[in-house]
Amino acid sequence: MIHIKAQRGFLLITSVVLIVIAVLLLTVMVFMGVTGDESSVEHSRSGQALFVAESGLERALRGFTTGTACASLSYTGNIGPGSFSTMGTLFAPAAVNLAANIATP
């Protein structure tokens, strides 16, 4: 009879350890799922910001190639959920400053 009581204590400890491991695994899986969704959203916004910035650059380049003076290459615009602004400088005709913003839903 004493041998059976010792076995019951061992099973209790084993079951507690297994429950703790299961809870930890579940916590990690939930955390990875949430983090993955946030990462996907940030990746999408990054792509949108790049598209908006490149659109602003193309607008300024088109103005430059059609004869607009370098100091007059200041444009602003909205594309999809974002906006861009460019500013040309007199001393560095090929330089264009870009800024892009993506509206968060």
C-alpha atoms as a PDB file:
ATOM      1  CA  MET A   1       0.000   0.000   0.000  1.00  0.00           C
ATOM      2  CA  ILE A   2       2.864   2.389   0.707  1.00  0.00           C
ATOM      3  CA  HIS A   3       4.243   1.747  -2.804  1.00  0.00           C
ATOM      4  CA  ILE A   4       0.951   2.884  -4.417  1.00  0.00           C
ATOM      5  CA  LYS A   5       0.904   6.178  -2.476  1.00  0.00           C
ATOM      6  CA  ALA A   6       4.450   6.939  -3.675  1.00  0.00           C
ATOM      7  CA  GLN A   7       3.346   6.348  -7.255  1.00  0.00           C
ATOM      8  CA  ARG A   8       0.407   8.720  -6.861  1.00  0.00           C
ATOM      9  CA  GLY A   9       2.751  11.505  -5.741  1.00  0.00           C
ATOM     10  CA  PHE A  10       4.965  10.922  -8.772  1.00  0.00           C
ATOM     11  CA  LEU A  11       1.984  11.108 -11.121  1.00  0.00           C
ATOM     12  CA  LEU A  12       0.849  14.347  -9.499  1.00  0.00           C
ATOM     13  CA  ILE A  13       4.246  15.969 -10.032  1.00  0.00           C
ATOM     14  CA  THR A  14       4.419  14.665 -13.601  1.00  0.00           C
ATOM     15  CA  SER A  15       0.949  15.992 -14.430  1.00  0.00           C
ATOM     16  CA  VAL A  16       1.760  19.441 -12.985  1.00  0.00           C
ATOM     17  CA  VAL A  17       4.968  19.608 -15.050  1.00  0.00           C
ATOM     18  CA  LEU A  18       3.100  18.573 -18.206  1.00  0.00           C
ATOM     19  CA  ILE A  19       0.395  21.195 -17.597  1.00  0.00           C
ATOM     20  CA  VAL A  20       3.036  23.912 -17.118  1.00  0.00           C
ATOM     21  CA  ILE A  21       4.780  22.858 -20.357  1.00  0.00           C
ATOM     22  CA  ALA A  22       1.453  22.853 -22.240  1.00  0.00           C
ATOM     23  CA  VAL A  23       0.599  26.346 -20.949  1.00  0.00           C
ATOM     24  CA  LEU A  24       4.033  27.642 -21.967  1.00  0.00           C
ATOM     25  CA  LEU A  25       3.703  26.156 -25.456  1.00  0.00           C
ATOM     26  CA  LEU A  26       0.238  27.640 -25.854  1.00  0.00           C
ATOM     27  CA  THR A  27       1.501  31.049 -24.716  1.00  0.00           C
ATOM     28  CA  VAL A  28       4.366  30.937 -27.229  1.00  0.00           C
ATOM     29  CA  MET A  29       2.029  29.915 -30.051  1.00  0.00           C
ATOM     30  CA  VAL A  30      -0.400  32.754 -29.295  1.00  0.00           C
ATOM     31  CA  PHE A  31       2.458  35.257 -29.056  1.00  0.00           C
ATOM     32  CA  MET A  32       3.870  34.105 -32.410  1.00  0.00           C
ATOM     33  CA  GLY A  33       0.452  34.415 -34.047  1.00  0.00           C
ATOM     34  CA  VAL A  34      -0.096  37.958 -32.791  1.00  0.00           C
ATOM     35  CA  THR A  35       3.447  39.016 -33.660  1.00  0.00           C
ATOM     36  CA  GLY A  36       3.109  37.526 -37.143  1.00  0.00           C
ATOM     37  CA  ASP A  37      -0.035  39.556 -37.827  1.00  0.00           C
ATOM     38  CA  GLU A  38       1.621  42.781 -36.637  1.00  0.00           C
ATOM     39  CA  SER A  39       4.675  42.027 -38.753  1.00  0.00           C
ATOM     40  CA  SER A  40       2.497  41.518 -41.834  1.00  0.00           C
ATOM     41  CA  VAL A  41       0.761  44.853 -41.293  1.00  0.00           C
ATOM     42  CA  GLU A  42       4.086  46.669 -40.847  1.00  0.00           C
ATOM     43  CA  HIS A  43       5.488  45.014 -43.975  1.00  0.00           C
ATOM     44  CA  SER A  44       2.443  46.131 -45.953  1.00  0.00           C
ATOM     45  CA  ARG A  45       2.759  49.711 -44.685  1.00  0.00           C
ATOM     46  CA  SER A  46       6.445  49.706 -45.526  1.00  0.00           C
ATOM     47  CA  GLY A  47       5.638  48.721 -49.110  1.00  0.00           C
ATOM     48  CA  GLN A  48       2.991  51.443 -49.333  1.00  0.00           C
ATOM     49  CA  ALA A  49       5.419  54.066 -48.011  1.00  0.00           C
ATOM     50  CA  LEU A  50       8.032  53.026 -50.568  1.00  0.00           C
ATOM     51  CA  PHE A  51       5.474  53.303 -53.372  1.00  0.00           C
ATOM     52  CA  VAL A  52       4.407  56.779 -52.238  1.00  0.00           C
ATOM     53  CA  ALA A  53       8.025  57.978 -51.924  1.00  0.00           C
ATOM     54  CA  GLU A  54       8.931  56.616 -55.362  1.00  0.00           C
ATOM     55  CA  SER A  55       5.862  58.315 -56.833  1.00  0.00           C
ATOM     56  CA  GLY A  56       7.012  61.641 -55.407  1.00  0.00           C
ATOM     57  CA  LEU A  57      10.479  61.075 -56.840  1.00  0.00           C
ATOM     58  CA  GLU A  58       9.024  60.295 -60.270  1.00  0.00           C
ATOM     59  CA  ARG A  59       6.908  63.463 -60.122  1.00  0.00           C
ATOM     60  CA  ALA A  60       9.955  65.591 -59.332  1.00  0.00           C
ATOM     61  CA  LEU A  61      12.007  63.833 -62.017  1.00  0.00           C
ATOM     62  CA  ARG A  62       9.298  64.471 -64.601  1.00  0.00           C
ATOM     63  CA  GLY A  63       9.286  68.151 -63.655  1.00  0.00           C
ATOM     64  CA  PHE A  64      13.090  68.264 -63.912  1.00  0.00           C
ATOM     65  CA  THR A  65      13.168  66.597 -67.344  1.00  0.00           C
ATOM     66  CA  THR A  66      10.518  68.967 -68.722  1.00  0.00           C
ATOM     67  CA  GLY A  67      12.619  71.997 -67.843  1.00  0.00           C
ATOM     68  CA  THR A  68      11.376  73.036 -64.412  1.00  0.00           C
ATOM     69  CA  ALA A  69      14.046  74.977 -62.516  1.00  0.00           C
ATOM     70  CA  CYS A  70      15.686  72.999 -59.730  1.00  0.00           C
ATOM     71  CA  ALA A  71      14.571  75.423 -57.033  1.00  0.00           C
ATOM     72  CA  SER A  72      10.973  75.020 -58.238  1.00  0.00           C
ATOM     73  CA  LEU A  73      10.826  71.221 -57.857  1.00  0.00           C
ATOM     74  CA  SER A  74       8.611  71.444 -54.789  1.00  0.00           C
ATOM     75  CA  TYR A  75       5.564  69.208 -55.075  1.00  0.00           C
ATOM     76  CA  THR A  76       3.063  67.685 -52.696  1.00  0.00           C
ATOM     77  CA  GLY A  77       0.531  65.027 -53.468  1.00  0.00           C
ATOM     78  CA  ASN A  78      -1.664  62.256 -52.138  1.00  0.00           C
ATOM     79  CA  ILE A  79      -1.529  58.708 -53.412  1.00  0.00           C
ATOM     80  CA  GLY A  80      -3.811  56.114 -51.875  1.00  0.00           C
ATOM     81  CA  PRO A  81      -3.444  56.220 -48.086  1.00  0.00           C
ATOM     82  CA  GLY A  82      -0.235  58.274 -48.207  1.00  0.00           C
ATOM     83  CA  SER A  83       1.126  61.646 -49.179  1.00  0.00           C
ATOM     84  CA  PHE A  84       4.455  62.879 -50.484  1.00  0.00           C
ATOM     85  CA  SER A  85       6.324  66.128 -50.665  1.00  0.00           C
ATOM     86  CA  THR A  86       9.453  66.985 -52.644  1.00  0.00           C
ATOM     87  CA  MET A  87      11.757  69.950 -52.413  1.00  0.00           C
ATOM     88  CA  GLY A  88      14.461  70.745 -54.955  1.00  0.00           C
ATOM     89  CA  THR A  89      17.546  72.757 -54.130  1.00  0.00           C
ATOM     90  CA  LEU A  90      19.379  75.280 -56.257  1.00  0.00           C
ATOM     91  CA  PHE A  91      22.873  74.005 -55.456  1.00  0.00           C
ATOM     92  CA  ALA A  92      22.380  70.283 -56.054  1.00  0.00           C
ATOM     93  CA  PRO A  93      20.046  69.885 -59.040  1.00  0.00           C
ATOM     94  CA  ALA A  94      19.970  66.087 -58.860  1.00  0.00           C
ATOM     95  CA  ALA A  95      19.115  66.016 -55.141  1.00  0.00           C
ATOM     96  CA  VAL A  96      15.494  65.659 -54.140  1.00  0.00           C
ATOM     97  CA  ASN A  97      14.286  65.444 -50.557  1.00  0.00           C
ATOM     98  CA  LEU A  98      11.393  63.040 -50.049  1.00  0.00           C
ATOM     99  CA  ALA A  99       8.937  62.541 -47.245  1.00  0.00           C
ATOM    100  CA  ALA A 100       6.078  60.059 -47.210  1.00  0.00           C
ATOM    101  CA  ASN A 101       3.334  59.384 -44.685  1.00  0.00           C
ATOM    102  CA  ILE A 102       0.929  56.460 -44.529  1.00  0.00           C
ATOM    103  CA  ALA A 103      -2.342  57.002 -42.737  1.00  0.00           C
ATOM    104  CA  THR A 104      -2.999  54.346 -40.100  1.00  0.00           C
ATOM    105  CA  PRO A 105      -6.502  52.915 -40.102  1.00  0.00           C
END
